[in-house]
């Protein structure tokens, strides 16, 4: 009788983390609606879009369809194949970061060379590097586990590799992606057993390095000044932040209504990308922002829970990859939200799973699919089945 009950309970248990899947789908759905709402005015007024109000919506739907199809395919790939391919994927992304700097290959927009033109679409290698960095760091930590406490044999090789990647990202420049990749990569090393003193020293070195990069760059200094007092120059360096804060103020608790934002009418720059959360705040209010924050918190918690379950089953790469994805998505979302709320200086980072942008959307959906696959394999092992 007891064996029958246990078998029935196992059969009734879900095959995958439904709450994680629905959380990601809800973020994608809200993002789709808000990208359309935030981009209507820009699309209608632009000759580039042919004055088509649905231009960005149609592109976002196309990217979303491709992303979901790719995510479905990725879910079928066992985690062990990602571990085997992690170094090669990382090398391929490094090659793309080099190619994007080559004149004639990399596309320059507003003084930044971050995209490779593929005809109708643009590929952003730094977005791909975020996922490649997570997988490579997880694989590196597993391979070097025996010497992770050693600075020379454990930390130094990864530090040298990341300094080269950082140099490539600064050449674009893409300071925001650099911060996310660096924090995620070394966060994985810490979770994998890095010496605590080495981690503290590395953290201090990274903080000093970021401060030096800001102090030696005029446009980064202007961003800091604009962040500290946006109202001192509301039509110049404080323009984006001041209008983002106005959007939050207008939204109050329940918002002015979906589609009724005034700030998206050519006041708030990058309303459908970097400052999508400000439009959400204006149209859906603080309640809408709280919902988005809650969804991201749940996604990160599930990523760490899946990682812990994998660690219990001695699936160390899967554990670090899952937690690394949680650190990456959570940290990038935190920075984007902080920028929109005036808590952090502008970084040029989008809101994961929600903002307009093909490369980011594709990579985010693939990351969630890998998370779901790791969870599925955990459940299969718990049932005594082969993953």
Protein backbone atom coordinates (compact mmCIF):
# COMPACT_ATOMS: atom_id res chain seq x y z
CA UNK A 1 0.00 0.00 0.00
CA UNK A 2 2.82 2.39 0.94
CA UNK A 3 4.75 1.61 -2.27
CA UNK A 4 1.60 2.26 -4.32
CA UNK A 5 1.14 5.64 -2.62
CA UNK A 6 4.75 6.66 -3.26
CA UNK A 7 4.49 5.62 -6.92
CA UNK A 8 1.24 7.54 -7.37
CA UNK A 9 2.80 10.61 -5.74
CA UNK A 10 5.80 10.42 -8.09
CA UNK A 11 3.58 10.07 -11.15
CA UNK A 12 1.44 13.04 -10.04
CA UNK A 13 4.49 15.26 -9.41
CA UNK A 14 5.20 17.75 -12.21
CA UNK A 15 8.01 16.99 -14.67
CA UNK A 16 9.38 20.53 -14.54
CA UNK A 17 9.27 23.67 -12.41
CA UNK A 18 5.93 25.09 -13.48
CA UNK A 19 6.23 28.18 -11.28
CA UNK A 20 9.53 29.09 -12.97
CA UNK A 21 8.10 28.54 -16.44
CA UNK A 22 4.99 30.62 -15.71
CA UNK A 23 7.07 33.37 -14.10
CA UNK A 24 9.24 33.66 -17.20
CA UNK A 25 6.19 33.56 -19.51
CA UNK A 26 4.44 36.25 -17.48
CA UNK A 27 7.52 38.50 -17.66
CA UNK A 28 7.65 37.94 -21.43
CA UNK A 29 3.93 38.69 -21.80
CA UNK A 30 4.04 41.88 -19.73
CA UNK A 31 7.16 42.93 -21.62
CA UNK A 32 5.43 42.39 -24.97
CA UNK A 33 2.47 44.56 -24.00
CA UNK A 34 4.62 47.31 -22.50
CA UNK A 35 7.10 47.38 -25.41
CA UNK A 36 4.16 48.03 -27.73
CA UNK A 37 2.74 50.71 -25.44
CA UNK A 38 6.10 52.41 -24.96
CA UNK A 39 7.07 52.41 -28.65
CA UNK A 40 3.87 53.48 -30.45
CA UNK A 41 4.67 57.19 -30.59
CA UNK A 42 8.29 56.63 -31.63
CA UNK A 43 7.23 54.21 -34.37
CA UNK A 44 4.59 56.55 -35.78
CA UNK A 45 6.95 59.52 -35.91
CA UNK A 46 9.98 57.76 -37.42
CA UNK A 47 10.60 57.63 -41.15
CA UNK A 48 12.89 54.68 -40.48
CA UNK A 49 9.88 52.61 -39.40
CA UNK A 50 7.69 53.86 -42.24
CA UNK A 51 5.44 55.55 -39.64
CA UNK A 52 4.15 52.10 -38.72
CA UNK A 53 2.86 52.26 -35.13
CA UNK A 54 3.32 48.51 -34.73
CA UNK A 55 6.89 48.38 -36.07
CA UNK A 56 8.61 47.58 -32.77
CA UNK A 57 5.74 45.30 -31.72
CA UNK A 58 6.08 43.21 -34.89
CA UNK A 59 9.83 42.92 -34.46
CA UNK A 60 9.46 42.05 -30.80
CA UNK A 61 6.86 39.38 -31.61
CA UNK A 62 9.23 37.94 -34.24
CA UNK A 63 12.14 37.87 -31.80
CA UNK A 64 9.91 36.37 -29.12
CA UNK A 65 8.70 33.62 -31.44
CA UNK A 66 12.27 32.72 -32.41
CA UNK A 67 13.37 32.89 -28.76
CA UNK A 68 10.61 30.53 -27.59
CA UNK A 69 11.31 28.08 -30.42
CA UNK A 70 15.03 28.14 -29.60
CA UNK A 71 14.30 27.74 -25.88
CA UNK A 72 12.14 24.68 -26.60
CA UNK A 73 15.02 23.15 -28.55
CA UNK A 74 17.56 24.03 -25.84
CA UNK A 75 15.39 22.35 -23.20
CA UNK A 76 15.99 19.04 -25.02
CA UNK A 77 19.79 19.38 -24.69
CA UNK A 78 21.26 17.57 -21.62
CA UNK A 79 23.26 19.76 -19.23
CA UNK A 80 26.38 17.63 -19.73
CA UNK A 81 26.57 18.81 -23.35
CA UNK A 82 26.60 22.42 -22.21
CA UNK A 83 29.52 21.57 -19.93
CA UNK A 84 31.44 19.96 -22.77
CA UNK A 85 30.74 22.83 -25.14
CA UNK A 86 31.24 25.68 -22.65
CA UNK A 87 34.91 26.43 -23.56
CA UNK A 88 34.11 26.40 -27.29
CA UNK A 89 31.05 28.61 -26.85
CA UNK A 90 33.16 31.03 -24.80
CA UNK A 91 35.88 31.13 -27.50
CA UNK A 92 33.25 31.73 -30.18
CA UNK A 93 31.85 34.68 -28.21
CA UNK A 94 35.35 36.11 -27.71
CA UNK A 95 35.83 35.89 -31.49
CA UNK A 96 32.54 37.78 -31.99
CA UNK A 97 33.70 40.49 -29.54
CA UNK A 98 36.82 40.87 -31.68
CA UNK A 99 34.83 40.94 -34.93
CA UNK A 100 32.46 43.63 -33.68
CA UNK A 101 35.44 46.00 -33.39
CA UNK A 102 36.46 45.47 -37.02
CA UNK A 103 35.37 48.39 -39.25
CA UNK A 104 32.93 47.21 -41.86
CA UNK A 105 31.74 44.32 -39.70
CA UNK A 106 30.75 46.00 -36.45
CA UNK A 107 27.89 48.49 -36.67
CA UNK A 108 28.32 51.81 -34.87
CA UNK A 109 25.34 53.57 -33.26
CA UNK A 110 25.65 56.74 -31.13
CA UNK A 111 29.42 56.32 -30.88
CA UNK A 112 29.28 52.69 -29.69
CA UNK A 113 30.25 49.71 -31.85
CA UNK A 114 28.30 46.85 -30.24
CA UNK A 115 26.44 45.15 -33.06
CA UNK A 116 27.18 42.92 -36.04
CA UNK A 117 24.75 43.52 -38.88
CA UNK A 118 23.12 40.36 -40.23
CA UNK A 119 20.87 42.05 -42.76
CA UNK A 120 17.45 42.61 -41.23
CA UNK A 121 18.70 42.02 -37.69
CA UNK A 122 21.69 42.98 -35.57
CA UNK A 123 23.62 40.57 -33.34
CA UNK A 124 24.98 41.92 -30.05
CA UNK A 125 27.94 39.72 -29.00
CA UNK A 126 28.06 41.11 -25.44
CA UNK A 127 24.62 39.59 -24.79
CA UNK A 128 25.84 36.18 -25.93
CA UNK A 129 28.93 36.57 -23.74
CA UNK A 130 26.74 36.87 -20.63
CA UNK A 131 25.49 33.30 -21.09
CA UNK A 132 28.84 32.00 -22.36
CA UNK A 133 30.56 33.55 -19.32
CA UNK A 134 28.18 31.77 -16.93
CA UNK A 135 28.70 28.36 -18.56
CA UNK A 136 32.47 28.78 -18.91
CA UNK A 137 32.90 29.96 -15.31
CA UNK A 138 30.83 27.00 -14.07
CA UNK A 139 32.88 24.54 -16.14
CA UNK A 140 36.18 26.18 -15.12
CA UNK A 141 35.26 26.02 -11.43
CA UNK A 142 34.39 22.32 -11.67
CA UNK A 143 37.60 21.50 -13.55
CA UNK A 144 39.77 23.55 -11.18
CA UNK A 145 37.94 22.65 -7.99
CA UNK A 146 41.00 21.03 -6.41
CA UNK A 147 43.07 24.23 -6.80
CA UNK A 148 40.37 26.90 -6.38
CA UNK A 149 41.94 28.03 -3.09
CA UNK A 150 45.20 28.79 -4.91
CA UNK A 151 45.59 32.24 -6.40
CA UNK A 152 48.16 31.26 -9.02
CA UNK A 153 46.53 28.05 -10.22
CA UNK A 154 42.89 28.76 -9.46
CA UNK A 155 42.04 32.45 -9.77
CA UNK A 156 44.84 33.93 -11.89
CA UNK A 157 44.04 32.08 -15.18
CA UNK A 158 40.38 33.15 -15.05
CA UNK A 159 41.38 36.67 -14.05
CA UNK A 160 43.65 36.94 -17.10
CA UNK A 161 40.89 35.70 -19.41
CA UNK A 162 38.33 38.12 -17.96
CA UNK A 163 40.74 41.05 -18.24
CA UNK A 164 41.03 40.36 -21.96
CA UNK A 165 37.24 40.13 -22.32
CA UNK A 166 36.89 43.34 -20.30
CA UNK A 167 39.33 45.12 -22.61
CA UNK A 168 37.26 44.06 -25.63
CA UNK A 169 34.03 45.25 -24.01
CA UNK A 170 35.58 48.61 -23.11
CA UNK A 171 36.67 49.08 -26.72
CA UNK A 172 33.03 49.00 -27.87
CA UNK A 173 32.38 50.54 -25.24
CA UNK A 174 29.83 48.52 -23.20
CA UNK A 175 30.53 49.27 -19.56
CA UNK A 176 27.17 47.90 -18.39
CA UNK A 177 27.76 44.47 -19.93
CA UNK A 178 31.28 44.45 -18.46
CA UNK A 179 29.92 45.01 -14.94
CA UNK A 180 27.31 42.25 -15.31
CA UNK A 181 29.73 39.70 -16.80
CA UNK A 182 32.47 40.43 -14.24
CA UNK A 183 30.15 40.22 -11.22
CA UNK A 184 28.44 37.06 -12.51
CA UNK A 185 31.68 35.28 -13.38
CA UNK A 186 33.44 35.93 -10.11
CA UNK A 187 30.22 35.27 -8.22
CA UNK A 188 30.26 31.75 -9.66
CA UNK A 189 33.89 31.32 -8.65
CA UNK A 190 32.98 32.36 -5.10
CA UNK A 191 30.04 29.92 -5.01
CA UNK A 192 32.39 27.23 -6.31
CA UNK A 193 34.86 27.56 -3.45
CA UNK A 194 37.16 30.50 -4.14
CA UNK A 195 39.34 31.55 -1.22
CA UNK A 196 37.44 34.16 0.81
CA UNK A 197 40.45 36.48 1.13
CA UNK A 198 41.07 36.27 -2.61
CA UNK A 199 37.42 37.11 -3.25
CA UNK A 200 37.54 40.13 -0.93
CA UNK A 201 40.74 41.36 -2.59
CA UNK A 202 39.23 40.80 -6.03
CA UNK A 203 36.10 42.70 -5.04
CA UNK A 204 38.19 45.64 -3.85
CA UNK A 205 40.23 45.54 -7.05
CA UNK A 206 37.11 45.47 -9.22
CA UNK A 207 35.59 48.38 -7.31
CA UNK A 208 38.80 50.38 -7.70
CA UNK A 209 38.98 49.48 -11.38
CA UNK A 210 35.40 50.55 -12.04
CA UNK A 211 36.02 53.81 -10.16
CA UNK A 212 39.14 54.45 -12.25
CA UNK A 213 37.21 53.79 -15.47
CA UNK A 214 34.62 56.35 -14.41
CA UNK A 215 37.17 58.97 -13.36
CA UNK A 216 39.13 58.67 -16.62
CA UNK A 217 36.08 58.93 -18.89
CA UNK A 218 34.34 62.25 -19.45
CA UNK A 219 31.01 60.79 -20.54
CA UNK A 220 30.92 58.39 -17.57
CA UNK A 221 31.67 61.30 -15.23
CA UNK A 222 28.77 63.22 -16.77
CA UNK A 223 26.51 60.25 -16.09
CA UNK A 224 27.58 60.25 -12.44
CA UNK A 225 26.94 63.99 -12.11
CA UNK A 226 23.57 63.61 -13.83
CA UNK A 227 22.67 60.78 -11.46
CA UNK A 228 23.66 62.72 -8.32
CA UNK A 229 21.52 65.76 -9.18
CA UNK A 230 19.40 65.30 -12.34
CA UNK A 231 17.44 68.50 -11.64
CA UNK A 232 20.60 70.60 -11.83
CA UNK A 233 20.67 70.04 -15.60
CA UNK A 234 17.26 68.53 -16.51
CA UNK A 235 17.68 69.31 -20.23
CA UNK A 236 21.22 67.95 -20.44
CA UNK A 237 23.00 65.23 -18.49
CA UNK A 238 20.01 64.74 -16.15
CA UNK A 239 17.44 64.49 -18.93
CA UNK A 240 16.83 60.72 -18.91
CA UNK A 241 16.72 60.34 -15.16
CA UNK A 242 14.55 63.41 -14.55
CA UNK A 243 11.90 62.13 -16.96
CA UNK A 244 12.10 58.62 -15.51
CA UNK A 245 11.44 60.09 -12.06
CA UNK A 246 8.55 62.14 -13.46
CA UNK A 247 7.09 58.92 -14.88
CA UNK A 248 7.31 57.23 -11.46
CA UNK A 249 5.73 60.27 -9.83
CA UNK A 250 2.83 60.44 -12.29
CA UNK A 251 2.08 56.74 -11.90
CA UNK A 252 1.55 56.85 -8.14
CA UNK A 253 0.05 53.59 -6.79
CA UNK A 254 -2.16 52.34 -9.64
CA UNK A 255 -0.90 54.25 -12.67
CA UNK A 256 -2.52 56.52 -15.23
CA UNK A 257 -3.76 53.56 -17.27
CA UNK A 258 -2.31 51.26 -19.91
CA UNK A 259 -1.32 53.28 -22.98
CA UNK A 260 -1.83 56.63 -21.25
CA UNK A 261 1.81 57.47 -20.50
CA UNK A 262 2.81 61.01 -21.30
CA UNK A 263 6.54 60.50 -20.85
CA UNK A 264 6.75 58.03 -23.76
CA UNK A 265 5.62 60.84 -26.08
CA UNK A 266 9.19 61.86 -27.00
CA UNK A 267 10.16 62.90 -23.48
CA UNK A 268 11.68 59.71 -22.07
CA UNK A 269 14.52 58.39 -24.30
CA UNK A 270 14.79 54.62 -24.87
CA UNK A 271 11.33 54.11 -23.40
CA UNK A 272 10.95 50.63 -24.92
CA UNK A 273 14.45 49.44 -23.99
CA UNK A 274 16.48 50.80 -21.06
CA UNK A 275 13.63 52.75 -19.43
CA UNK A 276 10.74 50.36 -19.94
CA UNK A 277 10.23 50.09 -16.17
CA UNK A 278 9.57 53.85 -15.98
CA UNK A 279 6.72 53.47 -18.49
CA UNK A 280 5.40 50.52 -16.46
CA UNK A 281 5.52 52.72 -13.35
CA UNK A 282 3.61 55.51 -15.07
CA UNK A 283 0.94 53.35 -16.70
CA UNK A 284 0.54 50.54 -14.14
CA UNK A 285 1.72 52.39 -11.05
CA UNK A 286 3.82 51.19 -8.16
CA UNK A 287 1.61 48.09 -8.05
CA UNK A 288 2.81 47.14 -11.54
CA UNK A 289 6.44 47.76 -10.58
CA UNK A 290 5.98 45.64 -7.43
CA UNK A 291 4.60 42.81 -9.58
CA UNK A 292 7.62 42.94 -11.90
CA UNK A 293 10.04 43.01 -8.95
CA UNK A 294 8.22 40.09 -7.34
CA UNK A 295 8.45 38.02 -10.52
CA UNK A 296 12.20 38.61 -10.80
CA UNK A 297 12.73 37.79 -7.12
CA UNK A 298 10.86 34.50 -7.56
CA UNK A 299 12.85 33.64 -10.69
CA UNK A 300 16.15 34.20 -8.87
CA UNK A 301 14.99 32.21 -5.82
CA UNK A 302 13.99 29.30 -8.04
CA UNK A 303 17.36 29.43 -9.84
CA UNK A 304 19.21 29.11 -6.53
CA UNK A 305 16.85 26.39 -5.31
CA UNK A 306 17.44 24.41 -8.51
CA UNK A 307 21.17 24.92 -8.06
CA UNK A 308 21.04 23.60 -4.50
CA UNK A 309 19.05 20.55 -5.61
CA UNK A 310 21.66 19.83 -8.27
CA UNK A 311 24.47 20.21 -5.71
CA UNK A 312 22.79 17.66 -3.42
CA UNK A 313 22.86 15.22 -6.33
CA UNK A 314 26.56 16.04 -6.94
CA UNK A 315 25.82 17.69 -10.28
CA UNK A 316 28.32 20.47 -9.66
CA UNK A 317 28.37 22.06 -13.12
CA UNK A 318 24.58 22.13 -13.26
CA UNK A 319 24.46 23.62 -9.77
CA UNK A 320 26.87 26.46 -10.58
CA UNK A 321 25.28 27.12 -13.98
CA UNK A 322 21.81 27.43 -12.42
CA UNK A 323 22.98 29.75 -9.67
CA UNK A 324 25.09 31.73 -12.14
CA UNK A 325 22.02 32.32 -14.32
CA UNK A 326 20.19 33.52 -11.22
CA UNK A 327 23.01 35.93 -10.34
CA UNK A 328 23.19 37.25 -13.92
CA UNK A 329 19.47 37.85 -14.48
CA UNK A 330 18.91 39.12 -10.95
CA UNK A 331 21.88 41.47 -11.00
CA UNK A 332 21.05 42.91 -14.43
CA UNK A 333 17.41 43.41 -13.44
CA UNK A 334 18.57 45.09 -10.21
CA UNK A 335 20.81 47.51 -12.11
CA UNK A 336 18.10 48.36 -14.65
CA UNK A 337 15.55 48.97 -11.90
CA UNK A 338 18.05 51.04 -9.91
CA UNK A 339 18.74 53.20 -12.96
CA UNK A 340 15.03 53.72 -13.64
CA UNK A 341 14.38 54.67 -10.02
CA UNK A 342 17.36 57.02 -9.76
CA UNK A 343 19.27 54.77 -7.36
CA UNK A 344 22.10 54.06 -9.81
CA UNK A 345 23.72 55.99 -12.68
CA UNK A 346 22.64 55.03 -16.20
CA UNK A 347 24.34 51.90 -17.53
CA UNK A 348 22.62 51.13 -20.85
CA UNK A 349 21.31 47.76 -19.62
CA UNK A 350 17.90 46.42 -20.59
CA UNK A 351 15.38 44.69 -18.33
CA UNK A 352 15.83 40.91 -18.89
CA UNK A 353 12.97 39.07 -20.63
CA UNK A 354 11.01 42.31 -21.01
CA UNK A 355 12.81 45.09 -22.90
CA UNK A 356 12.96 45.32 -26.67
CA UNK A 357 16.09 43.77 -28.15
CA UNK A 358 16.52 40.59 -30.15
CA UNK A 359 19.89 39.36 -28.86
CA UNK A 360 19.00 39.91 -25.22
CA UNK A 361 15.60 38.26 -25.56
CA UNK A 362 17.06 35.20 -27.29
CA UNK A 363 19.82 34.73 -24.71
CA UNK A 364 17.49 35.27 -21.74
CA UNK A 365 15.03 32.67 -23.02
CA UNK A 366 17.85 30.19 -23.65
CA UNK A 367 19.10 30.76 -20.09
CA UNK A 368 15.64 30.03 -18.64
CA UNK A 369 15.41 26.90 -20.82
CA UNK A 370 18.75 25.67 -19.41
CA UNK A 371 17.40 26.31 -15.90
CA UNK A 372 14.28 24.29 -16.66
CA UNK A 373 16.40 21.48 -18.13
CA UNK A 374 18.58 21.33 -15.00
CA UNK A 375 15.46 21.19 -12.86
CA UNK A 376 13.97 18.47 -15.09
CA UNK A 377 17.12 16.38 -14.74
CA UNK A 378 17.04 16.86 -10.96
CA UNK A 379 13.50 15.51 -10.89
CA UNK A 380 14.39 12.58 -13.13
CA UNK A 381 17.24 11.63 -10.82
CA UNK A 382 14.94 11.94 -7.81
CA UNK A 383 12.66 9.38 -9.48
CA UNK A 384 15.62 7.10 -10.06
CA UNK A 385 15.54 7.68 -13.82
CA UNK A 386 18.41 8.59 -16.10
CA UNK A 387 18.43 12.27 -17.08
